[in-house]
Amino acid sequence: MKHGKKPHRKRVLIGAGVAAAVAAGTAGVLSANASETAPAAVTQASGKYLSRTNHLTISAATKAAQAALDAAKKENQRVSVAVVDRNGNTIVTLRGDGAGPQAYESAVKKAYTAVSWNAPTSELAKRLQQTPNLKDIPGTLFLGGGAPVDAKNAPIAGVGVAGAPSGDLDEKFAQAGVAALGR
């Protein structure tokens, strides 16, 4: 009989071990699920703390940039184009064939300046006569070539063009990019 009791004890011990492991696993799953759902309930904000904003899609930003670049090509101008979002983050840039090395950074700054003030940069350049310290704001460039994109009278993006011989031309091409979004 001694021989017969050992297998029975082993079975009981193994069975108890399996039951303990299953119980521990179930408790672990329950505690993991409880901790996963608790923070979500705490972090949900009510509607009075939220606002909705409009943003250009990458597709729309690319369409605007390409339209600006195409307008410049038609006039044999070598430019760079940048489109930034409402926060001044670059969405897309296109460097035209033969554009100067300064054009890229200038296009980004013009786009940022246009969206920041929701005005063409040629208009903003005129304001420097009354408020010359505007030019000291980091990331801005008060030269013609930036045009804002708005939705419901609120700025949502900026198109900047740089590299043509004049700010007027740069701005003309930037406006062509903005106009492409209405088509």
N, C-alpha and C. Protein backbone atom coordinates (compact mmCIF):
# COMPACT_ATOMS: atom_id res chain seq x y z
N MET A 1 0.80 -1.19 0.00
CA MET A 1 0.00 0.00 0.00
C MET A 1 0.84 1.25 0.00
N LYS A 2 1.98 1.16 0.60
CA LYS A 2 2.86 2.32 0.56
C LYS A 2 3.09 2.74 -0.87
N HIS A 3 3.24 1.78 -1.69
CA HIS A 3 3.50 2.06 -3.09
C HIS A 3 2.31 2.76 -3.73
N GLY A 4 1.11 2.43 -3.35
CA GLY A 4 -0.09 3.03 -3.92
C GLY A 4 -0.39 4.42 -3.38
N LYS A 5 0.04 4.78 -2.19
CA LYS A 5 -0.25 6.09 -1.61
C LYS A 5 0.60 7.21 -2.24
N LYS A 6 1.78 6.91 -2.64
CA LYS A 6 2.64 7.96 -3.22
C LYS A 6 2.02 8.59 -4.45
N PRO A 7 1.52 7.80 -5.39
CA PRO A 7 0.92 8.44 -6.54
C PRO A 7 -0.30 9.29 -6.16
N HIS A 8 -1.08 8.86 -5.17
CA HIS A 8 -2.25 9.63 -4.76
C HIS A 8 -1.81 10.96 -4.14
N ARG A 9 -0.78 10.95 -3.29
CA ARG A 9 -0.28 12.18 -2.69
C ARG A 9 0.27 13.12 -3.77
N LYS A 10 0.97 12.57 -4.71
CA LYS A 10 1.52 13.41 -5.79
C LYS A 10 0.39 14.08 -6.56
N ARG A 11 -0.68 13.31 -6.82
CA ARG A 11 -1.82 13.87 -7.55
C ARG A 11 -2.48 14.99 -6.75
N VAL A 12 -2.61 14.82 -5.45
CA VAL A 12 -3.22 15.83 -4.60
C VAL A 12 -2.35 17.08 -4.56
N LEU A 13 -1.05 16.89 -4.40
CA LEU A 13 -0.14 18.03 -4.36
C LEU A 13 -0.11 18.76 -5.70
N ILE A 14 -0.07 18.03 -6.76
CA ILE A 14 -0.06 18.65 -8.10
C ILE A 14 -1.38 19.38 -8.33
N GLY A 15 -2.48 18.74 -7.96
CA GLY A 15 -3.80 19.37 -8.12
C GLY A 15 -3.91 20.65 -7.30
N ALA A 16 -3.40 20.64 -6.08
CA ALA A 16 -3.44 21.83 -5.24
C ALA A 16 -2.58 22.93 -5.83
N GLY A 17 -1.44 22.55 -6.39
CA GLY A 17 -0.55 23.54 -7.02
C GLY A 17 -1.20 24.18 -8.23
N VAL A 18 -1.87 23.39 -9.04
CA VAL A 18 -2.56 23.91 -10.22
C VAL A 18 -3.69 24.84 -9.79
N ALA A 19 -4.45 24.44 -8.78
CA ALA A 19 -5.54 25.28 -8.29
C ALA A 19 -5.01 26.61 -7.77
N ALA A 20 -3.90 26.59 -7.07
CA ALA A 20 -3.31 27.83 -6.54
C ALA A 20 -2.84 28.72 -7.68
N ALA A 21 -2.24 28.13 -8.69
CA ALA A 21 -1.77 28.92 -9.84
C ALA A 21 -2.94 29.55 -10.59
N VAL A 22 -4.01 28.79 -10.78
CA VAL A 22 -5.19 29.32 -11.46
C VAL A 22 -5.80 30.46 -10.64
N ALA A 23 -5.89 30.26 -9.34
CA ALA A 23 -6.45 31.30 -8.48
C ALA A 23 -5.60 32.55 -8.52
N ALA A 24 -4.30 32.40 -8.46
CA ALA A 24 -3.40 33.55 -8.51
C ALA A 24 -3.51 34.26 -9.85
N GLY A 25 -3.59 33.49 -10.92
CA GLY A 25 -3.73 34.09 -12.26
C GLY A 25 -5.02 34.86 -12.39
N THR A 26 -6.12 34.30 -11.87
CA THR A 26 -7.41 34.98 -11.93
C THR A 26 -7.38 36.27 -11.12
N ALA A 27 -6.80 36.21 -9.94
CA ALA A 27 -6.71 37.42 -9.12
C ALA A 27 -5.84 38.46 -9.82
N GLY A 28 -4.76 38.03 -10.47
CA GLY A 28 -3.90 38.96 -11.20
C GLY A 28 -4.63 39.62 -12.34
N VAL A 29 -5.45 38.85 -13.06
CA VAL A 29 -6.22 39.40 -14.17
C VAL A 29 -7.25 40.40 -13.64
N LEU A 30 -7.92 40.05 -12.56
CA LEU A 30 -8.91 40.97 -12.00
C LEU A 30 -8.26 42.26 -11.53
N SER A 31 -7.12 42.16 -10.88
CA SER A 31 -6.47 43.39 -10.41
C SER A 31 -5.92 44.19 -11.59
N ALA A 32 -5.43 43.52 -12.62
CA ALA A 32 -4.94 44.24 -13.79
C ALA A 32 -6.09 44.95 -14.49
N ASN A 33 -7.22 44.29 -14.62
CA ASN A 33 -8.37 44.93 -15.26
C ASN A 33 -8.87 46.11 -14.44
N ALA A 34 -8.89 45.96 -13.15
CA ALA A 34 -9.36 47.05 -12.30
C ALA A 34 -8.45 48.26 -12.42
N SER A 35 -7.15 48.04 -12.47
CA SER A 35 -6.23 49.17 -12.56
C SER A 35 -6.25 49.81 -13.94
N GLU A 36 -6.57 49.05 -14.97
CA GLU A 36 -6.64 49.63 -16.31
C GLU A 36 -7.86 50.52 -16.47
N THR A 37 -8.96 50.19 -15.85
CA THR A 37 -10.16 50.99 -16.04
C THR A 37 -10.24 52.18 -15.09
N ALA A 38 -9.62 52.09 -13.95
CA ALA A 38 -9.73 53.17 -12.97
C ALA A 38 -9.17 54.50 -13.49
N PRO A 39 -7.96 54.56 -14.07
CA PRO A 39 -7.45 55.84 -14.53
C PRO A 39 -8.31 56.46 -15.64
N ALA A 40 -8.89 55.65 -16.50
CA ALA A 40 -9.70 56.19 -17.60
C ALA A 40 -10.87 56.98 -17.05
N ALA A 41 -11.49 56.48 -16.02
CA ALA A 41 -12.63 57.19 -15.43
C ALA A 41 -12.17 58.49 -14.79
N VAL A 42 -10.98 58.50 -14.24
CA VAL A 42 -10.45 59.69 -13.58
C VAL A 42 -10.04 60.75 -14.60
N THR A 43 -9.51 60.34 -15.75
CA THR A 43 -8.95 61.30 -16.71
C THR A 43 -9.97 61.83 -17.72
N GLN A 44 -11.18 61.36 -17.74
CA GLN A 44 -12.16 61.88 -18.70
C GLN A 44 -12.61 63.26 -18.27
N ALA A 45 -12.56 64.20 -19.21
CA ALA A 45 -12.97 65.57 -18.94
C ALA A 45 -14.36 65.80 -19.50
N SER A 46 -15.08 66.67 -18.87
CA SER A 46 -16.41 66.97 -19.38
C SER A 46 -16.31 67.96 -20.54
N GLY A 47 -17.39 68.10 -21.27
CA GLY A 47 -17.42 68.95 -22.45
C GLY A 47 -17.04 70.40 -22.20
N LYS A 48 -17.24 70.89 -21.00
CA LYS A 48 -16.92 72.30 -20.76
C LYS A 48 -15.42 72.57 -20.75
N TYR A 49 -14.60 71.52 -20.70
CA TYR A 49 -13.15 71.68 -20.71
C TYR A 49 -12.53 71.38 -22.07
N LEU A 50 -13.35 71.10 -23.06
CA LEU A 50 -12.85 70.69 -24.37
C LEU A 50 -13.22 71.71 -25.44
N SER A 51 -12.40 71.80 -26.46
CA SER A 51 -12.72 72.62 -27.62
C SER A 51 -12.33 71.85 -28.87
N ARG A 52 -12.93 72.19 -29.96
CA ARG A 52 -12.62 71.54 -31.24
C ARG A 52 -11.88 72.54 -32.12
N THR A 53 -10.90 72.05 -32.84
CA THR A 53 -10.17 72.90 -33.78
C THR A 53 -10.10 72.20 -35.12
N ASN A 54 -9.90 72.97 -36.16
CA ASN A 54 -9.74 72.42 -37.50
C ASN A 54 -8.26 72.35 -37.83
N HIS A 55 -7.89 71.32 -38.55
CA HIS A 55 -6.50 71.13 -38.97
C HIS A 55 -6.48 70.70 -40.43
N LEU A 56 -5.46 71.12 -41.14
CA LEU A 56 -5.28 70.64 -42.50
C LEU A 56 -4.78 69.21 -42.46
N THR A 57 -5.25 68.40 -43.38
CA THR A 57 -4.70 67.06 -43.51
C THR A 57 -3.37 67.16 -44.25
N ILE A 58 -2.60 66.11 -44.17
CA ILE A 58 -1.33 66.08 -44.91
C ILE A 58 -1.61 66.19 -46.41
N SER A 59 -2.68 65.56 -46.84
CA SER A 59 -3.06 65.62 -48.25
C SER A 59 -3.36 67.06 -48.68
N ALA A 60 -4.11 67.78 -47.86
CA ALA A 60 -4.45 69.17 -48.19
C ALA A 60 -3.20 70.05 -48.16
N ALA A 61 -2.34 69.85 -47.16
CA ALA A 61 -1.11 70.63 -47.07
C ALA A 61 -0.22 70.38 -48.28
N THR A 62 -0.14 69.14 -48.70
CA THR A 62 0.66 68.79 -49.88
C THR A 62 0.07 69.42 -51.13
N LYS A 63 -1.24 69.42 -51.24
CA LYS A 63 -1.92 70.04 -52.39
C LYS A 63 -1.59 71.53 -52.45
N ALA A 64 -1.65 72.21 -51.31
CA ALA A 64 -1.35 73.64 -51.27
C ALA A 64 0.11 73.90 -51.63
N ALA A 65 1.01 73.10 -51.07
CA ALA A 65 2.43 73.29 -51.35
C ALA A 65 2.74 73.05 -52.82
N GLN A 66 2.16 72.01 -53.37
CA GLN A 66 2.41 71.70 -54.79
C GLN A 66 1.85 72.79 -55.69
N ALA A 67 0.69 73.33 -55.35
CA ALA A 67 0.10 74.41 -56.16
C ALA A 67 0.99 75.65 -56.13
N ALA A 68 1.54 75.96 -54.96
CA ALA A 68 2.45 77.11 -54.86
C ALA A 68 3.71 76.89 -55.68
N LEU A 69 4.26 75.68 -55.58
CA LEU A 69 5.47 75.35 -56.34
C LEU A 69 5.19 75.39 -57.84
N ASP A 70 4.04 74.87 -58.26
CA ASP A 70 3.68 74.89 -59.68
C ASP A 70 3.51 76.33 -60.19
N ALA A 71 2.92 77.20 -59.37
CA ALA A 71 2.76 78.61 -59.78
C ALA A 71 4.12 79.26 -59.98
N ALA A 72 5.07 78.93 -59.11
CA ALA A 72 6.43 79.49 -59.25
C ALA A 72 7.12 78.94 -60.49
N LYS A 73 6.95 77.65 -60.77
CA LYS A 73 7.57 77.03 -61.95
C LYS A 73 7.08 77.69 -63.24
N LYS A 74 5.79 78.03 -63.28
CA LYS A 74 5.22 78.67 -64.47
C LYS A 74 5.91 79.99 -64.78
N GLU A 75 6.46 80.62 -63.74
CA GLU A 75 7.16 81.90 -63.93
C GLU A 75 8.67 81.73 -63.82
N ASN A 76 9.12 80.49 -63.96
CA ASN A 76 10.55 80.16 -63.93
C ASN A 76 11.25 80.62 -62.65
N GLN A 77 10.56 80.49 -61.54
CA GLN A 77 11.15 80.87 -60.25
C GLN A 77 11.51 79.61 -59.47
N ARG A 78 12.64 79.68 -58.82
CA ARG A 78 13.14 78.55 -58.01
C ARG A 78 12.89 78.88 -56.54
N VAL A 79 11.91 78.21 -55.98
CA VAL A 79 11.50 78.53 -54.61
C VAL A 79 11.37 77.26 -53.76
N SER A 80 11.28 77.50 -52.47
CA SER A 80 10.88 76.46 -51.52
C SER A 80 9.54 76.87 -50.93
N VAL A 81 8.74 75.87 -50.57
CA VAL A 81 7.41 76.10 -50.02
C VAL A 81 7.27 75.33 -48.71
N ALA A 82 6.64 75.95 -47.74
CA ALA A 82 6.36 75.28 -46.47
C ALA A 82 4.91 75.52 -46.08
N VAL A 83 4.31 74.50 -45.49
CA VAL A 83 2.97 74.63 -44.93
C VAL A 83 3.08 74.21 -43.46
N VAL A 84 2.61 75.10 -42.57
CA VAL A 84 2.65 74.82 -41.14
C VAL A 84 1.22 74.77 -40.60
N ASP A 85 1.04 74.08 -39.48
CA ASP A 85 -0.27 74.02 -38.85
C ASP A 85 -0.51 75.22 -37.95
N ARG A 86 -1.62 75.24 -37.27
CA ARG A 86 -2.00 76.37 -36.42
C ARG A 86 -0.96 76.66 -35.34
N ASN A 87 -0.27 75.64 -34.91
CA ASN A 87 0.73 75.79 -33.85
C ASN A 87 2.13 76.09 -34.40
N GLY A 88 2.23 76.24 -35.71
CA GLY A 88 3.51 76.54 -36.32
C GLY A 88 4.37 75.32 -36.61
N ASN A 89 3.81 74.13 -36.42
CA ASN A 89 4.55 72.89 -36.73
C ASN A 89 4.51 72.64 -38.23
N THR A 90 5.64 72.31 -38.80
CA THR A 90 5.70 72.07 -40.23
C THR A 90 4.95 70.80 -40.60
N ILE A 91 4.04 70.93 -41.55
CA ILE A 91 3.30 69.77 -42.06
C ILE A 91 4.03 69.20 -43.27
N VAL A 92 4.40 70.10 -44.21
CA VAL A 92 5.08 69.66 -45.42
C VAL A 92 5.96 70.78 -45.96
N THR A 93 7.07 70.41 -46.55
CA THR A 93 7.92 71.37 -47.27
C THR A 93 8.29 70.76 -48.61
N LEU A 94 8.39 71.62 -49.60
CA LEU A 94 8.85 71.21 -50.93
C LEU A 94 9.94 72.17 -51.34
N ARG A 95 11.06 71.63 -51.73
CA ARG A 95 12.17 72.46 -52.22
C ARG A 95 12.20 72.31 -53.73
N GLY A 96 11.94 73.41 -54.41
CA GLY A 96 11.95 73.38 -55.87
C GLY A 96 13.35 73.19 -56.40
N ASP A 97 13.44 72.65 -57.60
CA ASP A 97 14.73 72.46 -58.25
C ASP A 97 15.45 73.81 -58.35
N GLY A 98 16.67 73.86 -57.85
CA GLY A 98 17.48 75.07 -57.95
C GLY A 98 17.20 76.12 -56.90
N ALA A 99 16.33 75.85 -55.94
CA ALA A 99 16.04 76.83 -54.88
C ALA A 99 17.28 77.02 -54.02
N GLY A 100 17.50 78.24 -53.58
CA GLY A 100 18.67 78.55 -52.76
C GLY A 100 18.58 77.92 -51.38
N PRO A 101 19.71 77.78 -50.72
CA PRO A 101 19.73 77.12 -49.41
C PRO A 101 18.98 77.90 -48.33
N GLN A 102 18.87 79.21 -48.47
CA GLN A 102 18.17 80.02 -47.49
C GLN A 102 16.66 79.92 -47.64
N ALA A 103 16.19 79.48 -48.79
CA ALA A 103 14.76 79.49 -49.09
C ALA A 103 13.96 78.57 -48.18
N TYR A 104 14.50 77.43 -47.84
CA TYR A 104 13.78 76.46 -47.01
C TYR A 104 13.39 77.07 -45.66
N GLU A 105 14.38 77.55 -44.93
CA GLU A 105 14.12 78.11 -43.60
C GLU A 105 13.25 79.37 -43.69
N SER A 106 13.47 80.18 -44.70
CA SER A 106 12.67 81.39 -44.87
C SER A 106 11.21 81.05 -45.14
N ALA A 107 10.95 80.03 -45.93
CA ALA A 107 9.58 79.62 -46.23
C ALA A 107 8.86 79.16 -44.96
N VAL A 108 9.54 78.40 -44.13
CA VAL A 108 8.94 77.94 -42.87
C VAL A 108 8.62 79.13 -41.98
N LYS A 109 9.55 80.08 -41.86
CA LYS A 109 9.33 81.25 -41.00
C LYS A 109 8.20 82.13 -41.52
N LYS A 110 8.10 82.28 -42.83
CA LYS A 110 7.01 83.08 -43.41
C LYS A 110 5.66 82.42 -43.14
N ALA A 111 5.59 81.11 -43.30
CA ALA A 111 4.34 80.38 -43.04
C ALA A 111 3.96 80.53 -41.57
N TYR A 112 4.94 80.39 -40.68
CA TYR A 112 4.70 80.53 -39.23
C TYR A 112 4.20 81.94 -38.89
N THR A 113 4.82 82.93 -39.49
CA THR A 113 4.43 84.32 -39.23
C THR A 113 3.00 84.58 -39.71
N ALA A 114 2.65 84.08 -40.90
CA ALA A 114 1.31 84.29 -41.46
C ALA A 114 0.24 83.65 -40.59
N VAL A 115 0.46 82.44 -40.12
CA VAL A 115 -0.56 81.78 -39.30
C VAL A 115 -0.62 82.39 -37.90
N SER A 116 0.50 82.86 -37.40
CA SER A 116 0.51 83.45 -36.05
C SER A 116 -0.35 84.69 -35.95
N TRP A 117 -0.36 85.50 -37.00
CA TRP A 117 -1.14 86.74 -36.98
C TRP A 117 -2.35 86.68 -37.92
N ASN A 118 -2.57 85.56 -38.57
CA ASN A 118 -3.68 85.38 -39.50
C ASN A 118 -3.74 86.52 -40.51
N ALA A 119 -2.57 86.81 -41.08
CA ALA A 119 -2.47 87.89 -42.07
C ALA A 119 -1.31 87.59 -43.02
N PRO A 120 -1.42 88.07 -44.26
CA PRO A 120 -0.29 87.93 -45.18
C PRO A 120 0.95 88.64 -44.62
N THR A 121 2.10 88.07 -44.84
CA THR A 121 3.31 88.65 -44.27
C THR A 121 3.66 90.00 -44.88
N SER A 122 3.19 90.29 -46.09
CA SER A 122 3.44 91.62 -46.66
C SER A 122 2.73 92.69 -45.83
N GLU A 123 1.54 92.39 -45.35
CA GLU A 123 0.83 93.33 -44.47
C GLU A 123 1.56 93.47 -43.13
N LEU A 124 2.02 92.36 -42.62
CA LEU A 124 2.71 92.37 -41.33
C LEU A 124 4.02 93.14 -41.42
N ALA A 125 4.70 93.07 -42.57
CA ALA A 125 5.95 93.81 -42.75
C ALA A 125 5.71 95.31 -42.60
N LYS A 126 4.55 95.78 -43.03
CA LYS A 126 4.21 97.20 -42.90
C LYS A 126 4.06 97.61 -41.44
N ARG A 127 3.66 96.69 -40.60
CA ARG A 127 3.48 96.98 -39.17
C ARG A 127 4.81 97.24 -38.45
N LEU A 128 5.91 96.80 -39.06
CA LEU A 128 7.22 96.99 -38.44
C LEU A 128 7.56 98.47 -38.29
N GLN A 129 6.99 99.32 -39.14
CA GLN A 129 7.27 100.75 -39.02
C GLN A 129 6.75 101.30 -37.69
N GLN A 130 5.60 100.79 -37.25
CA GLN A 130 5.02 101.25 -35.98
C GLN A 130 5.54 100.45 -34.79
N THR A 131 5.83 99.17 -35.02
CA THR A 131 6.27 98.29 -33.93
C THR A 131 7.49 97.49 -34.39
N PRO A 132 8.66 98.12 -34.42
CA PRO A 132 9.84 97.45 -34.97
C PRO A 132 10.29 96.21 -34.17
N ASN A 133 9.90 96.12 -32.90
CA ASN A 133 10.35 94.96 -32.12
C ASN A 133 9.59 93.68 -32.47
N LEU A 134 8.58 93.74 -33.33
CA LEU A 134 7.91 92.52 -33.80
C LEU A 134 8.91 91.55 -34.42
N LYS A 135 9.89 92.10 -35.12
CA LYS A 135 10.88 91.27 -35.81
C LYS A 135 11.73 90.45 -34.85
N ASP A 136 11.69 90.79 -33.56
CA ASP A 136 12.48 90.08 -32.56
C ASP A 136 11.80 88.81 -32.04
N ILE A 137 10.58 88.58 -32.45
CA ILE A 137 9.88 87.38 -31.99
C ILE A 137 10.50 86.16 -32.68
N PRO A 138 10.94 85.18 -31.90
CA PRO A 138 11.62 84.01 -32.49
C PRO A 138 10.76 83.26 -33.51
N GLY A 139 11.41 82.84 -34.58
CA GLY A 139 10.76 82.02 -35.60
C GLY A 139 9.98 82.79 -36.64
N THR A 140 9.94 84.11 -36.55
CA THR A 140 9.16 84.91 -37.49
C THR A 140 10.04 85.54 -38.56
N LEU A 141 9.41 85.89 -39.66
CA LEU A 141 10.10 86.59 -40.74
C LEU A 141 9.08 87.52 -41.40
N PHE A 142 9.30 88.80 -41.27
CA PHE A 142 8.37 89.80 -41.76
C PHE A 142 8.78 90.28 -43.15
N LEU A 143 8.68 89.38 -44.10
CA LEU A 143 8.90 89.67 -45.52
C LEU A 143 7.74 89.06 -46.28
N GLY A 144 7.37 89.65 -47.40
CA GLY A 144 6.29 89.09 -48.21
C GLY A 144 6.59 87.65 -48.58
N GLY A 145 5.53 86.83 -48.62
CA GLY A 145 5.70 85.44 -49.02
C GLY A 145 4.95 84.46 -48.15
N GLY A 146 4.27 84.95 -47.11
CA GLY A 146 3.48 84.07 -46.25
C GLY A 146 2.02 84.41 -46.36
N ALA A 147 1.18 83.38 -46.41
CA ALA A 147 -0.27 83.59 -46.49
C ALA A 147 -0.97 82.65 -45.51
N PRO A 148 -1.94 83.18 -44.76
CA PRO A 148 -2.65 82.33 -43.81
C PRO A 148 -3.75 81.51 -44.50
N VAL A 149 -4.06 80.39 -43.89
CA VAL A 149 -5.21 79.58 -44.29
C VAL A 149 -6.16 79.63 -43.11
N ASP A 150 -7.43 79.99 -43.37
CA ASP A 150 -8.35 80.02 -42.24
C ASP A 150 -9.60 79.21 -42.54
N ALA A 151 -10.28 78.86 -41.47
CA ALA A 151 -11.56 78.17 -41.54
C ALA A 151 -12.47 78.85 -40.53
N LYS A 152 -13.61 79.32 -40.98
CA LYS A 152 -14.55 80.03 -40.10
C LYS A 152 -13.87 81.20 -39.40
N ASN A 153 -13.07 81.94 -40.17
CA ASN A 153 -12.36 83.13 -39.70
C ASN A 153 -11.32 82.86 -38.62
N ALA A 154 -10.90 81.64 -38.48
CA ALA A 154 -9.84 81.30 -37.52
C ALA A 154 -8.66 80.69 -38.28
N PRO A 155 -7.45 81.12 -37.97
CA PRO A 155 -6.29 80.58 -38.68
C PRO A 155 -6.07 79.11 -38.35
N ILE A 156 -5.84 78.30 -39.40
CA ILE A 156 -5.57 76.88 -39.18
C ILE A 156 -4.24 76.43 -39.77
N ALA A 157 -3.65 77.28 -40.63
CA ALA A 157 -2.38 76.91 -41.26
C ALA A 157 -1.78 78.15 -41.91
N GLY A 158 -0.54 78.02 -42.34
CA GLY A 158 0.12 79.07 -43.08
C GLY A 158 0.91 78.46 -44.22
N VAL A 159 0.94 79.15 -45.36
CA VAL A 159 1.75 78.74 -46.51
C VAL A 159 2.83 79.78 -46.68
N GLY A 160 4.07 79.33 -46.74
CA GLY A 160 5.19 80.24 -46.92
C GLY A 160 5.99 79.87 -48.15
N VAL A 161 6.40 80.87 -48.90
CA VAL A 161 7.21 80.67 -50.10
C VAL A 161 8.40 81.60 -50.02
N ALA A 162 9.56 81.11 -50.39
CA ALA A 162 10.77 81.93 -50.40
C ALA A 162 11.67 81.50 -51.54
N GLY A 163 12.40 82.47 -52.08
CA GLY A 163 13.37 82.17 -53.12
C GLY A 163 13.21 82.99 -54.38
N ALA A 164 12.03 83.56 -54.62
CA ALA A 164 11.84 84.41 -55.79
C ALA A 164 12.55 85.74 -55.54
N PRO A 165 12.80 86.53 -56.58
CA PRO A 165 13.53 87.79 -56.38
C PRO A 165 12.80 88.84 -55.55
N SER A 166 11.50 88.67 -55.30
CA SER A 166 10.79 89.65 -54.48
C SER A 166 9.76 88.96 -53.59
N GLY A 167 9.46 89.61 -52.48
CA GLY A 167 8.44 89.10 -51.58
C GLY A 167 7.06 89.11 -52.23
N ASP A 168 6.85 90.04 -53.14
CA ASP A 168 5.56 90.09 -53.84
C ASP A 168 5.32 88.81 -54.64
N LEU A 169 6.37 88.36 -55.34
CA LEU A 169 6.24 87.11 -56.10
C LEU A 169 6.05 85.93 -55.15
N ASP A 170 6.86 85.88 -54.10
CA ASP A 170 6.72 84.79 -53.13
C ASP A 170 5.29 84.73 -52.60
N GLU A 171 4.74 85.89 -52.28
CA GLU A 171 3.39 85.91 -51.72
C GLU A 171 2.34 85.53 -52.76
N LYS A 172 2.56 85.91 -53.99
CA LYS A 172 1.66 85.52 -55.07
C LYS A 172 1.59 84.00 -55.17
N PHE A 173 2.75 83.34 -55.03
CA PHE A 173 2.79 81.89 -55.13
C PHE A 173 2.16 81.25 -53.88
N ALA A 174 2.37 81.86 -52.73
CA ALA A 174 1.76 81.36 -51.48
C ALA A 174 0.24 81.45 -51.59
N GLN A 175 -0.26 82.56 -52.13
CA GLN A 175 -1.71 82.73 -52.31
C GLN A 175 -2.27 81.67 -53.28
N ALA A 176 -1.48 81.29 -54.28
CA ALA A 176 -1.90 80.23 -55.20
C ALA A 176 -2.06 78.91 -54.44
N GLY A 177 -1.19 78.68 -53.48
CA GLY A 177 -1.32 77.48 -52.65
C GLY A 177 -2.57 77.51 -51.80
N VAL A 178 -2.88 78.66 -51.22
CA VAL A 178 -4.09 78.80 -50.40
C VAL A 178 -5.32 78.61 -51.29
N ALA A 179 -5.30 79.22 -52.47
CA ALA A 179 -6.43 79.13 -53.39
C ALA A 179 -6.72 77.68 -53.81
N ALA A 180 -5.69 76.88 -53.90
CA ALA A 180 -5.87 75.47 -54.30
C ALA A 180 -6.72 74.70 -53.29
N LEU A 181 -6.75 75.17 -52.06
CA LEU A 181 -7.54 74.47 -51.04
C LEU A 181 -9.03 74.72 -51.21
N GLY A 182 -9.37 75.76 -51.95
CA GLY A 182 -10.79 76.05 -52.20
C GLY A 182 -11.35 75.31 -53.38
N ARG A 183 -10.47 74.60 -54.09
CA ARG A 183 -10.93 73.87 -55.28
C ARG A 183 -11.32 72.46 -54.96
